[in-house]
């Protein structure tokens, strides 16, 4: 059976203890986005995906890379939008 993958954007809610929040905010202020994300995850109690916030990711907002891909059961890509 083949499948179609669709890339989207969704908010995550990361749970942090109130007393730890000020120090965590201070520690990520000067980090780039990827480093800040990893720092937050390492200091979290877990997260939940807020699925009602999900929106499709456009090729333009994905640096020209595909956001829709169709693949057959042999793993061959039959279609992809973008580059």
PDB file of N, CA and C in Angstrom:
ATOM      1  N   UNK A   1       0.843  -1.179   0.000  1.00  0.00           N
ATOM      2  CA  UNK A   1       0.000   0.000   0.000  1.00  0.00           C
ATOM      3  C   UNK A   1       0.890   1.244   0.000  1.00  0.00           C
ATOM      4  N   UNK A   2       0.574   2.178  -0.850  1.00  0.00           N
ATOM      5  CA  UNK A   2       1.296   3.444  -0.909  1.00  0.00           C
ATOM      6  C   UNK A   2       0.763   4.419   0.121  1.00  0.00           C
ATOM      7  N   UNK A   3       1.323   5.612   0.104  1.00  0.00           N
ATOM      8  CA  UNK A   3       0.877   6.641   1.043  1.00  0.00           C
ATOM      9  C   UNK A   3       1.210   8.024   0.515  1.00  0.00           C
ATOM     10  N   UNK A   4       0.583   9.035   1.106  1.00  0.00           N
ATOM     11  CA  UNK A   4       0.894  10.432   0.826  1.00  0.00           C
ATOM     12  C   UNK A   4       1.259  11.092   2.148  1.00  0.00           C
ATOM     13  N   UNK A   5       2.417  11.724   2.174  1.00  0.00           N
ATOM     14  CA  UNK A   5       2.850  12.500   3.339  1.00  0.00           C
ATOM     15  C   UNK A   5       2.568  13.967   3.070  1.00  0.00           C
ATOM     16  N   UNK A   6       2.030  14.652   4.053  1.00  0.00           N
ATOM     17  CA  UNK A   6       1.770  16.083   3.963  1.00  0.00           C
ATOM     18  C   UNK A   6       2.435  16.753   5.157  1.00  0.00           C
ATOM     19  N   UNK A   7       3.286  17.714   4.881  1.00  0.00           N
ATOM     20  CA  UNK A   7       4.008  18.416   5.939  1.00  0.00           C
ATOM     21  C   UNK A   7       3.167  19.592   6.422  1.00  0.00           C
ATOM     22  N   UNK A   8       3.093  19.742   7.730  1.00  0.00           N
ATOM     23  CA  UNK A   8       2.307  20.833   8.306  1.00  0.00           C
ATOM     24  C   UNK A   8       3.047  21.404   9.514  1.00  0.00           C
ATOM     25  N   UNK A   9       2.484  22.475  10.048  1.00  0.00           N
ATOM     26  CA  UNK A   9       3.047  23.138  11.222  1.00  0.00           C
ATOM     27  C   UNK A   9       2.014  23.043  12.340  1.00  0.00           C
ATOM     28  N   UNK A  10       2.480  22.691  13.521  1.00  0.00           N
ATOM     29  CA  UNK A  10       1.578  22.604  14.667  1.00  0.00           C
ATOM     30  C   UNK A  10       2.326  23.098  15.915  1.00  0.00           C
ATOM     31  N   UNK A  11       1.619  23.809  16.770  1.00  0.00           N
ATOM     32  CA  UNK A  11       2.207  24.272  18.029  1.00  0.00           C
ATOM     33  C   UNK A  11       2.373  23.095  18.973  1.00  0.00           C
ATOM     34  N   UNK A  12       3.444  23.139  19.761  1.00  0.00           N
ATOM     35  CA  UNK A  12       3.642  22.184  20.853  1.00  0.00           C
ATOM     36  C   UNK A  12       3.552  22.951  22.159  1.00  0.00           C
ATOM     37  N   UNK A  13       2.949  22.338  23.150  1.00  0.00           N
ATOM     38  CA  UNK A  13       2.926  22.927  24.488  1.00  0.00           C
ATOM     39  C   UNK A  13       3.913  22.127  25.334  1.00  0.00           C
ATOM     40  N   UNK A  14       4.978  22.799  25.759  1.00  0.00           N
ATOM     41  CA  UNK A  14       6.025  22.188  26.562  1.00  0.00           C
ATOM     42  C   UNK A  14       5.749  22.532  28.017  1.00  0.00           C
ATOM     43  N   UNK A  15       5.686  21.528  28.856  1.00  0.00           N
ATOM     44  CA  UNK A  15       5.367  21.743  30.265  1.00  0.00           C
ATOM     45  C   UNK A  15       6.643  21.977  31.076  1.00  0.00           C
ATOM     46  N   UNK A  16       6.687  23.134  31.758  1.00  0.00           N
ATOM     47  CA  UNK A  16       7.836  23.539  32.574  1.00  0.00           C
ATOM     48  C   UNK A  16       7.305  23.977  33.942  1.00  0.00           C
ATOM     49  N   UNK A  17       7.958  23.551  34.991  1.00  0.00           N
ATOM     50  CA  UNK A  17       7.567  23.984  36.332  1.00  0.00           C
ATOM     51  C   UNK A  17       7.720  25.503  36.445  1.00  0.00           C
ATOM     52  N   UNK A  18       6.754  26.159  37.099  1.00  0.00           N
ATOM     53  CA  UNK A  18       6.753  27.616  37.226  1.00  0.00           C
ATOM     54  C   UNK A  18       8.069  28.169  37.781  1.00  0.00           C
ATOM     55  N   UNK A  19       8.604  27.521  38.797  1.00  0.00           N
ATOM     56  CA  UNK A  19       9.818  28.044  39.422  1.00  0.00           C
ATOM     57  C   UNK A  19      11.042  27.890  38.512  1.00  0.00           C
ATOM     58  N   UNK A  20      10.981  27.031  37.504  1.00  0.00           N
ATOM     59  CA  UNK A  20      12.097  26.833  36.571  1.00  0.00           C
ATOM     60  C   UNK A  20      11.997  27.721  35.337  1.00  0.00           C
ATOM     61  N   UNK A  21      10.828  28.285  35.095  1.00  0.00           N
ATOM     62  CA  UNK A  21      10.594  29.048  33.873  1.00  0.00           C
ATOM     63  C   UNK A  21      11.496  30.277  33.716  1.00  0.00           C
ATOM     64  N   UNK A  22      11.668  31.127  34.726  1.00  0.00           N
ATOM     65  CA  UNK A  22      12.537  32.304  34.539  1.00  0.00           C
ATOM     66  C   UNK A  22      13.975  31.940  34.152  1.00  0.00           C
ATOM     67  N   UNK A  23      14.547  30.920  34.800  1.00  0.00           N
ATOM     68  CA  UNK A  23      15.916  30.516  34.483  1.00  0.00           C
ATOM     69  C   UNK A  23      16.013  29.941  33.077  1.00  0.00           C
ATOM     70  N   UNK A  24      15.004  29.186  32.667  1.00  0.00           N
ATOM     71  CA  UNK A  24      15.012  28.607  31.325  1.00  0.00           C
ATOM     72  C   UNK A  24      14.916  29.704  30.265  1.00  0.00           C
ATOM     73  N   UNK A  25      14.043  30.669  30.494  1.00  0.00           N
ATOM     74  CA  UNK A  25      13.911  31.792  29.554  1.00  0.00           C
ATOM     75  C   UNK A  25      15.249  32.522  29.431  1.00  0.00           C
ATOM     76  N   UNK A  26      15.891  32.764  30.542  1.00  0.00           N
ATOM     77  CA  UNK A  26      17.190  33.452  30.523  1.00  0.00           C
ATOM     78  C   UNK A  26      18.230  32.629  29.759  1.00  0.00           C
ATOM     79  N   UNK A  27      18.206  31.311  29.915  1.00  0.00           N
ATOM     80  CA  UNK A  27      19.213  30.460  29.283  1.00  0.00           C
ATOM     81  C   UNK A  27      19.043  30.354  27.768  1.00  0.00           C
ATOM     82  N   UNK A  28      17.857  30.641  27.239  1.00  0.00           N
ATOM     83  CA  UNK A  28      17.656  30.502  25.790  1.00  0.00           C
ATOM     84  C   UNK A  28      17.684  31.819  25.032  1.00  0.00           C
ATOM     85  N   UNK A  29      17.746  32.939  25.726  1.00  0.00           N
ATOM     86  CA  UNK A  29      17.672  34.252  25.076  1.00  0.00           C
ATOM     87  C   UNK A  29      18.700  34.443  23.965  1.00  0.00           C
ATOM     88  N   UNK A  30      19.907  33.967  24.152  1.00  0.00           N
ATOM     89  CA  UNK A  30      20.975  34.205  23.185  1.00  0.00           C
ATOM     90  C   UNK A  30      21.260  32.997  22.283  1.00  0.00           C
ATOM     91  N   UNK A  31      20.418  31.980  22.341  1.00  0.00           N
ATOM     92  CA  UNK A  31      20.614  30.793  21.508  1.00  0.00           C
ATOM     93  C   UNK A  31      19.883  30.944  20.184  1.00  0.00           C
ATOM     94  N   UNK A  32      20.360  30.227  19.149  1.00  0.00           N
ATOM     95  CA  UNK A  32      19.595  30.228  17.907  1.00  0.00           C
ATOM     96  C   UNK A  32      18.372  29.328  18.103  1.00  0.00           C
ATOM     97  N   UNK A  33      17.484  29.302  17.119  1.00  0.00           N
ATOM     98  CA  UNK A  33      16.211  28.607  17.279  1.00  0.00           C
ATOM     99  C   UNK A  33      16.370  27.119  17.593  1.00  0.00           C
ATOM    100  N   UNK A  34      17.251  26.444  16.868  1.00  0.00           N
ATOM    101  CA  UNK A  34      17.429  25.005  17.092  1.00  0.00           C
ATOM    102  C   UNK A  34      18.013  24.710  18.472  1.00  0.00           C
ATOM    103  N   UNK A  35      18.989  25.491  18.879  1.00  0.00           N
ATOM    104  CA  UNK A  35      19.587  25.305  20.205  1.00  0.00           C
ATOM    105  C   UNK A  35      18.562  25.583  21.298  1.00  0.00           C
ATOM    106  N   UNK A  36      17.765  26.629  21.126  1.00  0.00           N
ATOM    107  CA  UNK A  36      16.739  26.967  22.124  1.00  0.00           C
ATOM    108  C   UNK A  36      15.716  25.838  22.231  1.00  0.00           C
ATOM    109  N   UNK A  37      15.281  25.315  21.093  1.00  0.00           N
ATOM    110  CA  UNK A  37      14.319  24.214  21.080  1.00  0.00           C
ATOM    111  C   UNK A  37      14.859  23.010  21.856  1.00  0.00           C
ATOM    112  N   UNK A  38      16.113  22.641  21.594  1.00  0.00           N
ATOM    113  CA  UNK A  38      16.721  21.496  22.284  1.00  0.00           C
ATOM    114  C   UNK A  38      16.858  21.763  23.786  1.00  0.00           C
ATOM    115  N   UNK A  39      17.242  22.968  24.143  1.00  0.00           N
ATOM    116  CA  UNK A  39      17.378  23.330  25.564  1.00  0.00           C
ATOM    117  C   UNK A  39      16.030  23.224  26.279  1.00  0.00           C
ATOM    118  N   UNK A  40      14.979  23.708  25.629  1.00  0.00           N
ATOM    119  CA  UNK A  40      13.637  23.637  26.219  1.00  0.00           C
ATOM    120  C   UNK A  40      13.216  22.188  26.396  1.00  0.00           C
ATOM    121  N   UNK A  41      13.404  21.365  25.360  1.00  0.00           N
ATOM    122  CA  UNK A  41      13.005  19.954  25.455  1.00  0.00           C
ATOM    123  C   UNK A  41      13.766  19.211  26.543  1.00  0.00           C
ATOM    124  N   UNK A  42      15.053  19.501  26.686  1.00  0.00           N
ATOM    125  CA  UNK A  42      15.860  18.814  27.706  1.00  0.00           C
ATOM    126  C   UNK A  42      15.418  19.178  29.112  1.00  0.00           C
ATOM    127  N   UNK A  43      14.788  20.326  29.289  1.00  0.00           N
ATOM    128  CA  UNK A  43      14.375  20.793  30.606  1.00  0.00           C
ATOM    129  C   UNK A  43      12.872  20.679  30.834  1.00  0.00           C
ATOM    130  N   UNK A  44      12.208  19.916  29.999  1.00  0.00           N
ATOM    131  CA  UNK A  44      10.752  19.855  30.091  1.00  0.00           C
ATOM    132  C   UNK A  44      10.269  18.582  30.768  1.00  0.00           C
ATOM    133  N   UNK A  45       9.033  18.625  31.193  1.00  0.00           N
ATOM    134  CA  UNK A  45       8.353  17.472  31.777  1.00  0.00           C
ATOM    135  C   UNK A  45       7.575  16.714  30.700  1.00  0.00           C
ATOM    136  N   UNK A  46       7.691  17.144  29.461  1.00  0.00           N
ATOM    137  CA  UNK A  46       6.953  16.546  28.359  1.00  0.00           C
ATOM    138  C   UNK A  46       6.227  17.617  27.569  1.00  0.00           C
ATOM    139  N   UNK A  47       5.579  17.196  26.503  1.00  0.00           N
ATOM    140  CA  UNK A  47       4.866  18.160  25.683  1.00  0.00           C
ATOM    141  C   UNK A  47       3.606  17.529  25.116  1.00  0.00           C
ATOM    142  N   UNK A  48       2.743  18.395  24.631  1.00  0.00           N
ATOM    143  CA  UNK A  48       1.556  17.930  23.935  1.00  0.00           C
ATOM    144  C   UNK A  48       1.453  18.714  22.640  1.00  0.00           C
ATOM    145  N   UNK A  49       0.940  18.068  21.615  1.00  0.00           N
ATOM    146  CA  UNK A  49       0.725  18.724  20.336  1.00  0.00           C
ATOM    147  C   UNK A  49      -0.670  19.323  20.334  1.00  0.00           C
ATOM    148  N   UNK A  50      -0.760  20.601  19.990  1.00  0.00           N
ATOM    149  CA  UNK A  50      -2.049  21.286  19.948  1.00  0.00           C
ATOM    150  C   UNK A  50      -2.562  21.146  18.519  1.00  0.00           C
ATOM    151  N   UNK A  51      -3.205  20.026  18.244  1.00  0.00           N
ATOM    152  CA  UNK A  51      -3.571  19.672  16.874  1.00  0.00           C
ATOM    153  C   UNK A  51      -4.535  20.653  16.226  1.00  0.00           C
ATOM    154  N   UNK A  52      -5.342  21.338  17.016  1.00  0.00           N
ATOM    155  CA  UNK A  52      -6.258  22.318  16.420  1.00  0.00           C
ATOM    156  C   UNK A  52      -5.517  23.545  15.881  1.00  0.00           C
ATOM    157  N   UNK A  53      -4.235  23.670  16.187  1.00  0.00           N
ATOM    158  CA  UNK A  53      -3.439  24.782  15.656  1.00  0.00           C
ATOM    159  C   UNK A  53      -2.757  24.419  14.335  1.00  0.00           C
ATOM    160  N   UNK A  54      -2.931  23.184  13.872  1.00  0.00           N
ATOM    161  CA  UNK A  54      -2.228  22.703  12.682  1.00  0.00           C
ATOM    162  C   UNK A  54      -2.645  23.457  11.419  1.00  0.00           C
ATOM    163  N   UNK A  55      -1.638  23.851  10.640  1.00  0.00           N
ATOM    164  CA  UNK A  55      -1.865  24.482   9.340  1.00  0.00           C
ATOM    165  C   UNK A  55      -0.887  23.866   8.329  1.00  0.00           C
ATOM    166  N   UNK A  56      -1.291  23.789   7.061  1.00  0.00           N
ATOM    167  CA  UNK A  56      -0.388  23.238   6.045  1.00  0.00           C
ATOM    168  C   UNK A  56       0.864  24.108   5.901  1.00  0.00           C
ATOM    169  N   UNK A  57       1.975  23.471   5.620  1.00  0.00           N
ATOM    170  CA  UNK A  57       3.219  24.177   5.344  1.00  0.00           C
ATOM    171  C   UNK A  57       3.350  24.313   3.838  1.00  0.00           C
ATOM    172  N   UNK A  58       3.560  25.523   3.363  1.00  0.00           N
ATOM    173  CA  UNK A  58       3.691  25.745   1.926  1.00  0.00           C
ATOM    174  C   UNK A  58       5.117  25.462   1.479  1.00  0.00           C
ATOM    175  N   UNK A  59       5.278  25.186   0.197  1.00  0.00           N
ATOM    176  CA  UNK A  59       6.606  24.983  -0.372  1.00  0.00           C
ATOM    177  C   UNK A  59       7.456  26.237  -0.150  1.00  0.00           C
ATOM    178  N   UNK A  60       6.857  27.399  -0.326  1.00  0.00           N
ATOM    179  CA  UNK A  60       7.575  28.663  -0.127  1.00  0.00           C
ATOM    180  C   UNK A  60       8.125  28.767   1.290  1.00  0.00           C
ATOM    181  N   UNK A  61       7.302  28.414   2.287  1.00  0.00           N
ATOM    182  CA  UNK A  61       7.740  28.496   3.684  1.00  0.00           C
ATOM    183  C   UNK A  61       8.625  27.332   4.099  1.00  0.00           C
ATOM    184  N   UNK A  62       8.800  26.363   3.207  1.00  0.00           N
ATOM    185  CA  UNK A  62       9.664  25.209   3.469  1.00  0.00           C
ATOM    186  C   UNK A  62      10.931  25.299   2.606  1.00  0.00           C
ATOM    187  N   UNK A  63      11.352  26.527   2.312  1.00  0.00           N
ATOM    188  CA  UNK A  63      12.569  26.788   1.529  1.00  0.00           C
ATOM    189  C   UNK A  63      12.582  26.082   0.180  1.00  0.00           C
ATOM    190  N   UNK A  64      11.406  25.972  -0.456  1.00  0.00           N
ATOM    191  CA  UNK A  64      11.310  25.352  -1.771  1.00  0.00           C
ATOM    192  C   UNK A  64      11.267  23.834  -1.748  1.00  0.00           C
ATOM    193  N   UNK A  65      11.399  23.245  -0.571  1.00  0.00           N
ATOM    194  CA  UNK A  65      11.379  21.782  -0.455  1.00  0.00           C
ATOM    195  C   UNK A  65       9.946  21.267  -0.445  1.00  0.00           C
ATOM    196  N   UNK A  66       9.755  20.009  -0.827  1.00  0.00           N
ATOM    197  CA  UNK A  66       8.403  19.451  -0.909  1.00  0.00           C
ATOM    198  C   UNK A  66       7.660  19.460   0.420  1.00  0.00           C
ATOM    199  N   UNK A  67       6.352  19.617   0.307  1.00  0.00           N
ATOM    200  CA  UNK A  67       5.474  19.513   1.469  1.00  0.00           C
ATOM    201  C   UNK A  67       4.396  18.458   1.250  1.00  0.00           C
ATOM    202  N   UNK A  68       4.348  17.901   0.032  1.00  0.00           N
ATOM    203  CA  UNK A  68       3.459  16.780  -0.282  1.00  0.00           C
ATOM    204  C   UNK A  68       4.278  15.770  -1.079  1.00  0.00           C
ATOM    205  N   UNK A  69       4.247  14.527  -0.646  1.00  0.00           N
ATOM    206  CA  UNK A  69       4.941  13.457  -1.347  1.00  0.00           C
ATOM    207  C   UNK A  69       4.046  12.226  -1.405  1.00  0.00           C
ATOM    208  N   UNK A  70       3.964  11.626  -2.596  1.00  0.00           N
ATOM    209  CA  UNK A  70       3.227  10.373  -2.781  1.00  0.00           C
ATOM    210  C   UNK A  70       4.245   9.274  -3.058  1.00  0.00           C
ATOM    211  N   UNK A  71       4.142   8.166  -2.320  1.00  0.00           N
ATOM    212  CA  UNK A  71       5.111   7.071  -2.405  1.00  0.00           C
ATOM    213  C   UNK A  71       4.353   5.758  -2.571  1.00  0.00           C
ATOM    214  N   UNK A  72       4.831   4.906  -3.492  1.00  0.00           N
ATOM    215  CA  UNK A  72       4.168   3.614  -3.663  1.00  0.00           C
ATOM    216  C   UNK A  72       4.715   2.593  -2.675  1.00  0.00           C
ATOM    217  N   UNK A  73       4.153   1.383  -2.708  1.00  0.00           N
ATOM    218  CA  UNK A  73       4.546   0.376  -1.708  1.00  0.00           C
ATOM    219  C   UNK A  73       5.982  -0.095  -1.858  1.00  0.00           C
ATOM    220  N   UNK A  74       6.601   0.159  -2.997  1.00  0.00           N
ATOM    221  CA  UNK A  74       8.018  -0.176  -3.181  1.00  0.00           C
ATOM    222  C   UNK A  74       8.937   0.929  -2.658  1.00  0.00           C
ATOM    223  N   UNK A  75       8.344   2.020  -2.178  1.00  0.00           N
ATOM    224  CA  UNK A  75       9.124   3.119  -1.642  1.00  0.00           C
ATOM    225  C   UNK A  75       9.543   4.139  -2.682  1.00  0.00           C
ATOM    226  N   UNK A  76       9.026   4.027  -3.903  1.00  0.00           N
ATOM    227  CA  UNK A  76       9.356   4.981  -4.954  1.00  0.00           C
ATOM    228  C   UNK A  76       8.485   6.224  -4.817  1.00  0.00           C
ATOM    229  N   UNK A  77       9.110   7.378  -4.906  1.00  0.00           N
ATOM    230  CA  UNK A  77       8.362   8.623  -4.871  1.00  0.00           C
ATOM    231  C   UNK A  77       7.723   8.837  -6.242  1.00  0.00           C
ATOM    232  N   UNK A  78       6.400   8.876  -6.253  1.00  0.00           N
ATOM    233  CA  UNK A  78       5.657   9.061  -7.484  1.00  0.00           C
ATOM    234  C   UNK A  78       5.357  10.530  -7.757  1.00  0.00           C
ATOM    235  N   UNK A  79       5.281  11.321  -6.707  1.00  0.00           N
ATOM    236  CA  UNK A  79       4.967  12.740  -6.837  1.00  0.00           C
ATOM    237  C   UNK A  79       5.516  13.486  -5.636  1.00  0.00           C
ATOM    238  N   UNK A  80       5.995  14.682  -5.900  1.00  0.00           N
ATOM    239  CA  UNK A  80       6.285  15.622  -4.827  1.00  0.00           C
ATOM    240  C   UNK A  80       6.188  17.019  -5.392  1.00  0.00           C
ATOM    241  N   UNK A  81       5.621  17.907  -4.592  1.00  0.00           N
ATOM    242  CA  UNK A  81       5.593  19.303  -5.015  1.00  0.00           C
ATOM    243  C   UNK A  81       6.923  19.940  -4.631  1.00  0.00           C
ATOM    244  N   UNK A  82       7.182  21.130  -5.082  1.00  0.00           N
ATOM    245  CA  UNK A  82       8.436  21.790  -4.743  1.00  0.00           C
ATOM    246  C   UNK A  82       9.587  21.263  -5.556  1.00  0.00           C
ATOM    247  N   UNK A  83      10.818  21.516  -5.070  1.00  0.00           N
ATOM    248  CA  UNK A  83      12.047  21.121  -5.795  1.00  0.00           C
ATOM    249  C   UNK A  83      12.329  19.652  -5.649  1.00  0.00           C
TER     250      UNK A  83
END
